[in-house]
N, C-alpha and C. Protein backbone atom coordinates (compact mmCIF):
# COMPACT_ATOMS: atom_id res chain seq x y z
N MET A 1 0.84 -1.18 0.00
CA MET A 1 0.00 0.00 0.00
C MET A 1 0.87 1.24 0.00
N SER A 2 0.28 2.32 -0.29
CA SER A 2 0.96 3.60 -0.40
C SER A 2 1.44 4.10 0.94
N SER A 3 2.53 4.87 0.92
CA SER A 3 3.05 5.49 2.13
C SER A 3 2.30 6.78 2.45
N VAL A 4 1.34 7.18 1.65
CA VAL A 4 0.63 8.43 1.87
C VAL A 4 -0.72 8.21 2.54
N GLY A 5 -0.90 7.07 3.17
CA GLY A 5 -2.14 6.83 3.88
C GLY A 5 -3.27 6.44 2.95
N SER A 6 -4.47 6.94 3.27
CA SER A 6 -5.63 6.48 2.52
C SER A 6 -6.16 7.50 1.52
N SER A 7 -5.45 8.56 1.27
CA SER A 7 -5.89 9.56 0.28
C SER A 7 -5.71 9.00 -1.13
N ARG A 8 -6.79 9.02 -1.90
CA ARG A 8 -6.68 8.57 -3.28
C ARG A 8 -7.82 9.14 -4.10
N VAL A 9 -7.55 9.29 -5.38
CA VAL A 9 -8.54 9.66 -6.38
C VAL A 9 -8.50 8.55 -7.42
N VAL A 10 -9.67 8.12 -7.87
CA VAL A 10 -9.73 6.99 -8.80
C VAL A 10 -10.37 7.43 -10.11
N LEU A 11 -9.67 7.17 -11.20
CA LEU A 11 -10.24 7.29 -12.54
C LEU A 11 -10.63 5.87 -12.92
N ASN A 12 -11.92 5.61 -12.94
CA ASN A 12 -12.42 4.26 -13.08
C ASN A 12 -13.11 4.08 -14.43
N GLY A 13 -12.74 3.02 -15.13
CA GLY A 13 -13.46 2.67 -16.35
C GLY A 13 -13.09 3.45 -17.59
N MET A 14 -11.84 3.85 -17.74
CA MET A 14 -11.41 4.51 -18.98
C MET A 14 -11.35 3.44 -20.08
N GLU A 15 -12.12 3.62 -21.16
CA GLU A 15 -12.22 2.60 -22.20
C GLU A 15 -11.56 3.06 -23.50
N PHE A 16 -10.84 2.10 -24.11
CA PHE A 16 -10.10 2.39 -25.34
C PHE A 16 -10.15 1.18 -26.26
N HIS A 17 -10.08 1.44 -27.55
CA HIS A 17 -9.88 0.36 -28.52
C HIS A 17 -8.39 0.33 -28.82
N ALA A 18 -7.77 -0.84 -28.66
CA ALA A 18 -6.32 -0.94 -28.84
C ALA A 18 -5.96 -2.32 -29.38
N TYR A 19 -4.67 -2.55 -29.59
CA TYR A 19 -4.20 -3.71 -30.34
C TYR A 19 -3.21 -4.58 -29.56
N HIS A 20 -3.40 -4.73 -28.29
CA HIS A 20 -2.51 -5.53 -27.46
C HIS A 20 -2.90 -7.00 -27.50
N GLY A 21 -1.90 -7.88 -27.39
CA GLY A 21 -2.17 -9.31 -27.35
C GLY A 21 -1.12 -10.09 -28.08
N VAL A 22 -1.17 -11.40 -27.91
CA VAL A 22 -0.16 -12.26 -28.51
C VAL A 22 -0.56 -12.81 -29.87
N TYR A 23 -1.84 -12.71 -30.21
CA TYR A 23 -2.32 -13.30 -31.46
C TYR A 23 -2.37 -12.27 -32.59
N ALA A 24 -2.16 -12.75 -33.81
CA ALA A 24 -2.17 -11.87 -34.98
C ALA A 24 -3.53 -11.17 -35.14
N GLU A 25 -4.60 -11.86 -34.81
CA GLU A 25 -5.93 -11.26 -34.91
C GLU A 25 -6.08 -10.06 -33.97
N GLU A 26 -5.44 -10.13 -32.82
CA GLU A 26 -5.51 -9.01 -31.87
C GLU A 26 -4.77 -7.80 -32.42
N ALA A 27 -3.67 -8.05 -33.10
CA ALA A 27 -2.92 -6.94 -33.71
C ALA A 27 -3.69 -6.36 -34.90
N ARG A 28 -4.44 -7.19 -35.58
CA ARG A 28 -5.16 -6.74 -36.77
C ARG A 28 -6.48 -6.04 -36.43
N PHE A 29 -7.28 -6.64 -35.55
CA PHE A 29 -8.62 -6.12 -35.27
C PHE A 29 -8.71 -5.31 -33.98
N GLY A 30 -7.83 -5.59 -33.04
CA GLY A 30 -7.87 -4.91 -31.77
C GLY A 30 -9.02 -5.38 -30.89
N ALA A 31 -9.14 -4.74 -29.75
CA ALA A 31 -10.17 -5.11 -28.78
C ALA A 31 -10.38 -3.94 -27.83
N ARG A 32 -11.39 -4.07 -27.00
CA ARG A 32 -11.67 -3.06 -25.98
C ARG A 32 -10.83 -3.36 -24.74
N PHE A 33 -10.21 -2.31 -24.22
CA PHE A 33 -9.46 -2.37 -22.98
C PHE A 33 -10.02 -1.33 -22.03
N VAL A 34 -10.10 -1.68 -20.77
CA VAL A 34 -10.61 -0.77 -19.75
C VAL A 34 -9.52 -0.59 -18.70
N VAL A 35 -9.26 0.66 -18.34
CA VAL A 35 -8.18 0.96 -17.39
C VAL A 35 -8.76 1.71 -16.19
N ASP A 36 -8.35 1.29 -15.01
CA ASP A 36 -8.63 1.99 -13.77
C ASP A 36 -7.29 2.49 -13.22
N ALA A 37 -7.27 3.71 -12.75
CA ALA A 37 -6.04 4.26 -12.15
C ALA A 37 -6.39 4.87 -10.80
N GLU A 38 -5.78 4.31 -9.75
CA GLU A 38 -5.92 4.85 -8.40
C GLU A 38 -4.70 5.70 -8.12
N LEU A 39 -4.94 6.97 -7.88
CA LEU A 39 -3.85 7.93 -7.66
C LEU A 39 -3.74 8.19 -6.17
N HIS A 40 -2.68 7.69 -5.56
CA HIS A 40 -2.46 7.81 -4.12
C HIS A 40 -1.55 9.02 -3.85
N TRP A 41 -2.11 10.02 -3.18
CA TRP A 41 -1.32 11.20 -2.83
C TRP A 41 -2.01 11.90 -1.68
N ASP A 42 -1.25 12.65 -0.92
CA ASP A 42 -1.76 13.30 0.28
C ASP A 42 -2.42 14.62 -0.09
N PHE A 43 -3.76 14.61 -0.17
CA PHE A 43 -4.45 15.85 -0.49
C PHE A 43 -5.24 16.41 0.69
N ALA A 44 -4.95 15.93 1.89
CA ALA A 44 -5.58 16.51 3.09
C ALA A 44 -5.11 17.96 3.23
N GLY A 45 -6.05 18.87 3.40
CA GLY A 45 -5.71 20.28 3.56
C GLY A 45 -5.35 20.98 2.27
N LEU A 46 -5.65 20.36 1.14
CA LEU A 46 -5.32 20.93 -0.17
C LEU A 46 -6.06 22.24 -0.39
N SER A 47 -5.34 23.24 -0.89
CA SER A 47 -6.02 24.48 -1.29
C SER A 47 -6.75 24.24 -2.61
N ASP A 48 -7.74 25.04 -2.88
CA ASP A 48 -8.62 24.85 -4.03
C ASP A 48 -8.01 25.44 -5.30
N GLU A 49 -6.81 24.96 -5.67
CA GLU A 49 -6.10 25.45 -6.84
C GLU A 49 -5.58 24.25 -7.64
N LEU A 50 -5.91 24.21 -8.92
CA LEU A 50 -5.49 23.10 -9.77
C LEU A 50 -3.97 22.95 -9.80
N GLU A 51 -3.26 24.05 -9.74
CA GLU A 51 -1.79 23.99 -9.81
C GLU A 51 -1.19 23.20 -8.64
N ARG A 52 -1.92 23.05 -7.55
CA ARG A 52 -1.43 22.33 -6.37
C ARG A 52 -2.00 20.92 -6.29
N SER A 53 -2.62 20.50 -7.38
CA SER A 53 -3.29 19.20 -7.42
C SER A 53 -2.77 18.39 -8.60
N ILE A 54 -3.32 17.22 -8.75
CA ILE A 54 -3.05 16.39 -9.93
C ILE A 54 -4.11 16.71 -10.96
N ASN A 55 -3.68 16.98 -12.17
CA ASN A 55 -4.60 17.31 -13.25
C ASN A 55 -5.06 16.00 -13.90
N TYR A 56 -6.32 15.66 -13.69
CA TYR A 56 -6.84 14.38 -14.17
C TYR A 56 -6.92 14.33 -15.70
N GLU A 57 -7.03 15.46 -16.33
CA GLU A 57 -7.00 15.49 -17.79
C GLU A 57 -5.64 15.02 -18.30
N GLN A 58 -4.56 15.43 -17.63
CA GLN A 58 -3.22 14.98 -18.00
C GLN A 58 -3.06 13.48 -17.74
N VAL A 59 -3.61 13.01 -16.64
CA VAL A 59 -3.55 11.58 -16.32
C VAL A 59 -4.27 10.78 -17.41
N TYR A 60 -5.48 11.21 -17.74
CA TYR A 60 -6.24 10.53 -18.79
C TYR A 60 -5.46 10.50 -20.10
N ALA A 61 -4.89 11.62 -20.49
CA ALA A 61 -4.15 11.71 -21.75
C ALA A 61 -2.95 10.76 -21.75
N ALA A 62 -2.26 10.65 -20.63
CA ALA A 62 -1.11 9.74 -20.54
C ALA A 62 -1.57 8.29 -20.66
N VAL A 63 -2.65 7.94 -19.98
CA VAL A 63 -3.18 6.58 -20.07
C VAL A 63 -3.62 6.28 -21.50
N GLU A 64 -4.35 7.21 -22.09
CA GLU A 64 -4.82 7.03 -23.47
C GLU A 64 -3.65 6.79 -24.43
N GLN A 65 -2.60 7.57 -24.29
CA GLN A 65 -1.46 7.41 -25.19
C GLN A 65 -0.77 6.06 -24.98
N GLU A 66 -0.57 5.65 -23.73
CA GLU A 66 0.06 4.35 -23.48
C GLU A 66 -0.77 3.21 -24.05
N VAL A 67 -2.09 3.32 -23.93
CA VAL A 67 -2.96 2.23 -24.38
C VAL A 67 -3.10 2.22 -25.90
N THR A 68 -3.24 3.38 -26.52
CA THR A 68 -3.57 3.41 -27.95
C THR A 68 -2.39 3.63 -28.88
N ALA A 69 -1.31 4.21 -28.41
CA ALA A 69 -0.19 4.53 -29.31
C ALA A 69 0.95 3.54 -29.21
N THR A 70 0.85 2.57 -28.33
CA THR A 70 1.87 1.53 -28.22
C THR A 70 1.18 0.18 -28.31
N ARG A 71 1.97 -0.85 -28.54
CA ARG A 71 1.44 -2.21 -28.58
C ARG A 71 2.35 -3.12 -27.78
N VAL A 72 1.75 -3.87 -26.88
CA VAL A 72 2.48 -4.88 -26.11
C VAL A 72 1.70 -6.18 -26.21
N GLN A 73 2.36 -7.27 -25.87
CA GLN A 73 1.68 -8.55 -25.90
C GLN A 73 0.90 -8.81 -24.61
N LEU A 74 1.41 -8.35 -23.49
CA LEU A 74 0.84 -8.70 -22.19
C LEU A 74 0.22 -7.50 -21.49
N ILE A 75 -0.98 -7.69 -20.94
CA ILE A 75 -1.61 -6.60 -20.22
C ILE A 75 -0.85 -6.28 -18.92
N GLU A 76 -0.09 -7.24 -18.43
CA GLU A 76 0.75 -6.99 -17.26
C GLU A 76 1.80 -5.92 -17.56
N VAL A 77 2.37 -5.99 -18.74
CA VAL A 77 3.36 -5.01 -19.17
C VAL A 77 2.70 -3.66 -19.38
N LEU A 78 1.53 -3.66 -19.98
CA LEU A 78 0.81 -2.41 -20.20
C LEU A 78 0.51 -1.74 -18.86
N ALA A 79 0.07 -2.49 -17.87
CA ALA A 79 -0.19 -1.92 -16.54
C ALA A 79 1.08 -1.30 -15.96
N GLY A 80 2.21 -1.98 -16.11
CA GLY A 80 3.48 -1.45 -15.62
C GLY A 80 3.90 -0.19 -16.34
N ASN A 81 3.71 -0.16 -17.65
CA ASN A 81 4.06 1.03 -18.42
C ASN A 81 3.23 2.24 -18.02
N ILE A 82 1.94 2.02 -17.83
CA ILE A 82 1.06 3.10 -17.42
C ILE A 82 1.45 3.60 -16.02
N ALA A 83 1.63 2.68 -15.08
CA ALA A 83 1.96 3.06 -13.70
C ALA A 83 3.27 3.84 -13.64
N SER A 84 4.28 3.36 -14.33
CA SER A 84 5.57 4.05 -14.28
C SER A 84 5.51 5.42 -14.94
N ARG A 85 4.77 5.53 -16.02
CA ARG A 85 4.62 6.84 -16.67
C ARG A 85 3.91 7.83 -15.76
N LEU A 86 2.85 7.40 -15.11
CA LEU A 86 2.14 8.31 -14.21
C LEU A 86 3.03 8.77 -13.07
N LEU A 87 3.84 7.88 -12.51
CA LEU A 87 4.77 8.29 -11.45
C LEU A 87 5.82 9.27 -11.98
N ARG A 88 6.29 9.06 -13.20
CA ARG A 88 7.27 9.98 -13.79
C ARG A 88 6.68 11.35 -14.04
N GLU A 89 5.45 11.40 -14.53
CA GLU A 89 4.87 12.66 -14.98
C GLU A 89 4.11 13.42 -13.89
N GLN A 90 3.70 12.76 -12.84
CA GLN A 90 2.91 13.40 -11.79
C GLN A 90 3.70 13.41 -10.49
N ALA A 91 4.40 14.50 -10.24
CA ALA A 91 5.32 14.59 -9.10
C ALA A 91 4.63 14.45 -7.75
N LEU A 92 3.35 14.73 -7.65
CA LEU A 92 2.65 14.64 -6.38
C LEU A 92 2.27 13.22 -5.98
N LEU A 93 2.28 12.31 -6.93
CA LEU A 93 1.88 10.94 -6.64
C LEU A 93 2.88 10.25 -5.71
N GLY A 94 2.35 9.62 -4.67
CA GLY A 94 3.18 8.77 -3.81
C GLY A 94 3.18 7.35 -4.31
N ALA A 95 2.05 6.94 -4.88
CA ALA A 95 1.89 5.59 -5.42
C ALA A 95 0.74 5.61 -6.41
N VAL A 96 0.69 4.60 -7.22
CA VAL A 96 -0.39 4.45 -8.19
C VAL A 96 -0.73 2.97 -8.32
N THR A 97 -2.01 2.69 -8.41
CA THR A 97 -2.49 1.34 -8.71
C THR A 97 -3.18 1.40 -10.05
N VAL A 98 -2.76 0.54 -10.95
CA VAL A 98 -3.34 0.49 -12.29
C VAL A 98 -3.90 -0.90 -12.53
N ARG A 99 -5.13 -0.93 -13.03
CA ARG A 99 -5.75 -2.18 -13.46
C ARG A 99 -6.05 -2.06 -14.94
N VAL A 100 -5.58 -3.03 -15.72
CA VAL A 100 -5.88 -3.09 -17.15
C VAL A 100 -6.77 -4.31 -17.36
N HIS A 101 -8.01 -4.03 -17.77
CA HIS A 101 -9.00 -5.09 -18.02
C HIS A 101 -9.02 -5.41 -19.51
N LYS A 102 -9.13 -6.68 -19.80
CA LYS A 102 -9.32 -7.14 -21.17
C LYS A 102 -10.58 -8.03 -21.15
N PRO A 103 -11.76 -7.38 -21.22
CA PRO A 103 -13.00 -8.13 -20.98
C PRO A 103 -13.32 -9.18 -22.03
N HIS A 104 -12.73 -9.09 -23.21
CA HIS A 104 -13.00 -10.09 -24.24
C HIS A 104 -11.72 -10.83 -24.62
N ALA A 105 -10.97 -11.22 -23.61
CA ALA A 105 -9.73 -11.97 -23.86
C ALA A 105 -10.07 -13.27 -24.59
N PRO A 106 -9.25 -13.64 -25.56
CA PRO A 106 -9.53 -14.85 -26.33
C PRO A 106 -9.21 -16.12 -25.53
N LEU A 107 -10.19 -16.54 -24.76
CA LEU A 107 -10.06 -17.73 -23.93
C LEU A 107 -11.06 -18.79 -24.40
N PRO A 108 -10.79 -20.06 -24.11
CA PRO A 108 -11.66 -21.12 -24.63
C PRO A 108 -13.00 -21.26 -23.90
N GLY A 109 -13.23 -20.49 -22.87
CA GLY A 109 -14.50 -20.59 -22.14
C GLY A 109 -15.07 -19.22 -21.87
N ILE A 110 -16.12 -19.18 -21.08
CA ILE A 110 -16.78 -17.94 -20.75
C ILE A 110 -16.11 -17.33 -19.52
N VAL A 111 -15.57 -16.13 -19.70
CA VAL A 111 -14.91 -15.39 -18.63
C VAL A 111 -15.40 -13.96 -18.72
N ARG A 112 -15.93 -13.43 -17.65
CA ARG A 112 -16.48 -12.08 -17.66
C ARG A 112 -15.39 -11.04 -17.87
N ASP A 113 -14.23 -11.24 -17.26
CA ASP A 113 -13.18 -10.22 -17.32
C ASP A 113 -11.84 -10.85 -16.95
N VAL A 114 -10.81 -10.34 -17.56
CA VAL A 114 -9.44 -10.66 -17.18
C VAL A 114 -8.76 -9.32 -16.95
N TYR A 115 -8.05 -9.19 -15.83
CA TYR A 115 -7.31 -7.94 -15.63
C TYR A 115 -6.01 -8.18 -14.90
N ALA A 116 -5.08 -7.27 -15.15
CA ALA A 116 -3.80 -7.24 -14.45
C ALA A 116 -3.80 -6.00 -13.57
N GLU A 117 -3.34 -6.15 -12.35
CA GLU A 117 -3.31 -5.03 -11.39
C GLU A 117 -1.90 -4.89 -10.85
N LEU A 118 -1.44 -3.65 -10.79
CA LEU A 118 -0.10 -3.37 -10.29
C LEU A 118 -0.13 -2.10 -9.46
N THR A 119 0.50 -2.14 -8.29
CA THR A 119 0.68 -0.95 -7.48
C THR A 119 2.17 -0.65 -7.43
N LEU A 120 2.53 0.57 -7.81
CA LEU A 120 3.91 1.02 -7.72
C LEU A 120 3.96 2.19 -6.74
N ASN A 121 4.94 2.14 -5.86
CA ASN A 121 5.16 3.19 -4.87
C ASN A 121 6.41 3.95 -5.29
N ARG A 122 6.32 5.27 -5.32
CA ARG A 122 7.46 6.08 -5.76
C ARG A 122 8.72 5.75 -4.95
N ALA A 123 8.60 5.59 -3.65
CA ALA A 123 9.76 5.30 -2.81
C ALA A 123 10.39 3.97 -3.18
N GLU A 124 9.59 2.99 -3.55
CA GLU A 124 10.11 1.67 -3.91
C GLU A 124 10.76 1.64 -5.28
N THR A 125 10.34 2.52 -6.18
CA THR A 125 10.90 2.52 -7.53
C THR A 125 12.15 3.36 -7.65
N GLY A 126 12.40 4.20 -6.66
CA GLY A 126 13.57 5.05 -6.71
C GLY A 126 13.49 6.12 -7.78
N GLY A 127 12.29 6.30 -8.35
CA GLY A 127 12.11 7.34 -9.35
C GLY A 127 12.74 7.02 -10.70
N GLY A 128 13.30 5.81 -10.84
CA GLY A 128 13.94 5.44 -12.10
C GLY A 128 12.93 5.13 -13.19
N ARG A 129 13.43 5.02 -14.41
CA ARG A 129 12.57 4.73 -15.54
C ARG A 129 12.13 3.27 -15.48
N LEU A 130 10.85 3.07 -15.56
CA LEU A 130 10.27 1.73 -15.62
C LEU A 130 9.57 1.60 -16.95
N GLY A 131 9.11 0.42 -17.22
CA GLY A 131 8.37 0.19 -18.45
C GLY A 131 9.24 -0.50 -19.47
N PHE A 132 8.61 -1.36 -20.26
CA PHE A 132 9.35 -2.15 -21.23
C PHE A 132 8.36 -2.76 -22.20
N GLY A 133 8.87 -3.29 -23.29
CA GLY A 133 8.05 -4.04 -24.21
C GLY A 133 7.20 -3.22 -25.16
N ARG A 134 7.41 -1.91 -25.20
CA ARG A 134 6.57 -1.08 -26.06
C ARG A 134 6.96 -1.23 -27.52
N ASN A 135 5.95 -1.31 -28.34
CA ASN A 135 6.13 -1.24 -29.78
C ASN A 135 5.11 -0.26 -30.31
N PRO A 136 5.47 0.56 -31.31
CA PRO A 136 4.49 1.50 -31.85
C PRO A 136 3.37 0.73 -32.55
N VAL A 137 2.18 1.32 -32.54
CA VAL A 137 1.06 0.73 -33.26
C VAL A 137 1.26 1.02 -34.74
N ASP A 138 1.09 0.01 -35.55
CA ASP A 138 1.25 0.20 -37.01
C ASP A 138 0.17 1.05 -37.59
């Protein structure tokens, strides 16, 4: 869990059409991906000024770009790329939890949802560059 206590803002259910997956059909046709981002930061006593807060429009734009402008095979990698980017770009974040849902994963049975969840804490990452496996979308 985050070192900043229980303060968090959640962007829940961001939906995108993207081309992640291991199969050629996934690269060709794409699928719907849903991303949740829990932003852990200490906003107790925050003044009512956007400059002293996290701009959710910027967070959304970063998530959208990671999901739609890159291609990876594994949703676990995508979750890591999103989490590390948010920590790099949002200096106020103490930690971030990212869930990448792939509700129509190509599985042989009926599954409502598949998702990968990752929590990264700024103190644990040392602020270094994280993320791997990115390929541009054709």
